[in-house]
Amino acid sequence: MSIFRFVKYVITKTKMAHTHSSKKIIVNGVDYPSFNLASELQRSGDYDIIAFIDEEPWSNKTELLGATLHYPSDISALIYRYDVDAVITFDQTPPFFSAPLLKEINDTKASLVSLNKDDTLKKHLNAITSKLTQDSG
């Protein structure tokens, strides 16, 4: 095996291992707390932002931080399609999920993580890590 093939093999395997170990996340909302949290999750390298949820028609199918904005009605399909680990929401922040939608989310393997938008970013990150560790254990 040539050195080029060996290096390519190692890089490919490393990328694949990193991709599979990342937690897949859907973030509800596109306001500053949602954007700030998603930015930090991406920066950590441990999370992939699969989608943002927003109910405004003019933002549907646009991108934010490389993730597409979707309607709340798309959440269940996104969870199954991308094998999502968590849906993150902020209390008292639109779009609000209906009871049937919350039931759909709870019927999947994805964790529903509800955060207080007045808490610090560090507290948000700790809550997400704790919830995903608790649910996977």
Protein backbone atom coordinates (compact mmCIF):
# COMPACT_ATOMS: atom_id res chain seq x y z
CA MET A 1 0.00 0.00 0.00
CA SER A 2 1.43 3.36 -1.02
CA ILE A 3 1.78 6.15 1.51
CA PHE A 4 -0.91 8.14 -0.35
CA ARG A 5 -3.40 5.31 -0.10
CA PHE A 6 -2.57 4.80 3.56
CA VAL A 7 -3.06 8.51 4.39
CA LYS A 8 -6.31 8.61 2.41
CA TYR A 9 -7.51 5.49 4.24
CA VAL A 10 -6.71 6.96 7.67
CA ILE A 11 -8.35 10.31 6.85
CA THR A 12 -11.47 8.62 5.49
CA LYS A 13 -11.82 6.35 8.50
CA THR A 14 -11.28 9.26 10.89
CA LYS A 15 -13.94 11.36 9.16
CA MET A 16 -16.38 8.46 9.16
CA ALA A 17 -15.78 7.77 12.84
CA HIS A 18 -16.32 11.44 13.70
CA THR A 19 -19.46 11.69 11.63
CA HIS A 20 -21.03 8.63 13.24
CA SER A 21 -20.18 9.76 16.76
CA SER A 22 -21.78 13.19 16.36
CA LYS A 23 -25.21 13.67 17.91
CA LYS A 24 -27.80 14.86 15.40
CA ILE A 25 -29.86 17.81 16.58
CA ILE A 26 -32.93 19.75 15.46
CA VAL A 27 -33.21 23.25 16.95
CA ASN A 28 -36.63 24.85 17.35
CA GLY A 29 -36.56 28.55 16.51
CA VAL A 30 -34.25 30.94 14.71
CA ASP A 31 -33.91 33.69 17.32
CA TYR A 32 -30.63 34.66 19.00
CA PRO A 33 -30.68 31.99 21.76
CA SER A 34 -31.34 29.26 19.17
CA PHE A 35 -28.65 30.56 16.82
CA ASN A 36 -26.13 31.03 19.63
CA LEU A 37 -26.72 27.53 21.00
CA ALA A 38 -26.55 25.91 17.56
CA SER A 39 -23.31 27.78 16.80
CA GLU A 40 -21.73 26.51 20.01
CA LEU A 41 -22.94 22.94 19.43
CA GLN A 42 -21.43 22.97 15.93
CA ARG A 43 -18.19 24.50 17.17
CA SER A 44 -17.77 21.67 19.69
CA GLY A 45 -17.67 19.12 16.87
CA ASP A 46 -19.82 16.71 18.90
CA TYR A 47 -23.11 17.76 17.33
CA ASP A 48 -24.54 18.10 13.82
CA ILE A 49 -27.36 20.57 13.37
CA ILE A 50 -29.75 18.78 11.03
CA ALA A 51 -32.44 21.46 10.84
CA PHE A 52 -33.94 24.56 12.39
CA ILE A 53 -37.69 24.79 12.89
CA ASP A 54 -39.57 27.97 12.01
CA GLU A 55 -43.16 28.54 10.98
CA GLU A 56 -42.64 31.65 8.87
CA PRO A 57 -43.28 30.87 5.18
CA TRP A 58 -40.57 33.24 3.91
CA SER A 59 -37.84 31.36 5.80
CA ASN A 60 -38.88 27.81 4.85
CA LYS A 61 -36.13 25.94 2.98
CA THR A 62 -33.54 28.67 3.60
CA GLU A 63 -30.32 27.84 5.42
CA LEU A 64 -28.84 28.89 8.73
CA LEU A 65 -25.42 27.61 9.81
CA GLY A 66 -25.59 25.13 6.94
CA ALA A 67 -28.88 23.60 8.13
CA THR A 68 -32.20 23.99 6.34
CA LEU A 69 -35.18 25.67 8.02
CA HIS A 70 -38.32 23.52 8.09
CA TYR A 71 -41.89 23.81 9.30
CA PRO A 72 -42.87 22.16 12.61
CA SER A 73 -44.93 19.63 10.63
CA ASP A 74 -41.65 18.29 9.14
CA ILE A 75 -40.10 17.31 12.48
CA SER A 76 -41.18 13.65 12.62
CA ALA A 77 -40.03 12.98 9.07
CA LEU A 78 -36.69 14.67 9.79
CA ILE A 79 -36.20 12.59 12.95
CA TYR A 80 -36.70 9.34 11.05
CA ARG A 81 -34.84 10.40 7.91
CA TYR A 82 -31.71 11.61 9.69
CA ASP A 83 -31.87 9.43 12.82
CA VAL A 84 -32.02 12.55 15.00
CA ASP A 85 -30.90 12.25 18.63
CA ALA A 86 -32.58 15.37 20.06
CA VAL A 87 -35.05 18.14 19.38
CA ILE A 88 -34.14 21.26 21.34
CA THR A 89 -36.76 23.84 22.29
CA PHE A 90 -36.77 26.93 24.45
CA ASP A 91 -39.62 27.48 26.92
CA GLN A 92 -42.08 30.19 25.93
CA THR A 93 -40.46 30.63 22.51
CA PRO A 94 -42.25 30.14 19.18
CA PRO A 95 -42.91 28.14 17.21
CA PHE A 96 -44.93 26.33 19.84
CA PHE A 97 -45.46 22.60 19.40
CA SER A 98 -49.02 21.27 19.48
CA ALA A 99 -49.90 18.37 21.78
CA PRO A 100 -50.13 15.92 18.83
CA LEU A 101 -46.70 17.04 17.57
CA LEU A 102 -45.18 16.61 21.04
CA LYS A 103 -46.66 13.10 21.15
CA GLU A 104 -45.15 12.32 17.73
CA ILE A 105 -41.73 13.47 18.91
CA ASN A 106 -42.02 11.50 22.15
CA ASP A 107 -42.94 8.39 20.14
CA THR A 108 -39.56 8.53 18.38
CA LYS A 109 -36.11 7.77 19.75
CA ALA A 110 -35.25 11.48 19.77
CA SER A 111 -35.01 13.21 23.13
CA LEU A 112 -37.03 16.36 23.60
CA VAL A 113 -34.81 18.86 25.42
CA SER A 114 -36.61 21.93 26.73
CA LEU A 115 -34.40 24.81 27.85
CA ASN A 116 -35.07 28.07 29.68
CA LYS A 117 -33.94 30.80 27.30
CA ASP A 118 -32.86 32.98 30.24
CA ASP A 119 -30.25 30.41 31.36
CA THR A 120 -26.62 30.74 30.34
CA LEU A 121 -25.17 29.04 27.31
CA LYS A 122 -23.06 26.86 29.60
CA LYS A 123 -26.18 25.71 31.45
CA HIS A 124 -27.88 24.93 28.12
CA LEU A 125 -24.90 22.83 26.98
CA ASN A 126 -24.82 20.96 30.29
CA ALA A 127 -28.56 20.24 30.09
CA ILE A 128 -28.24 18.88 26.55
CA THR A 129 -25.25 16.70 27.40
CA SER A 130 -26.97 15.42 30.53
CA LYS A 131 -30.24 14.61 28.74
CA LEU A 132 -28.54 12.80 25.86
CA THR A 133 -26.29 10.84 28.21
CA GLN A 134 -29.27 9.91 30.42
CA ASP A 135 -31.41 8.81 27.46
CA SER A 136 -28.66 6.76 25.80
CA GLY A 137 -27.69 4.96 28.99
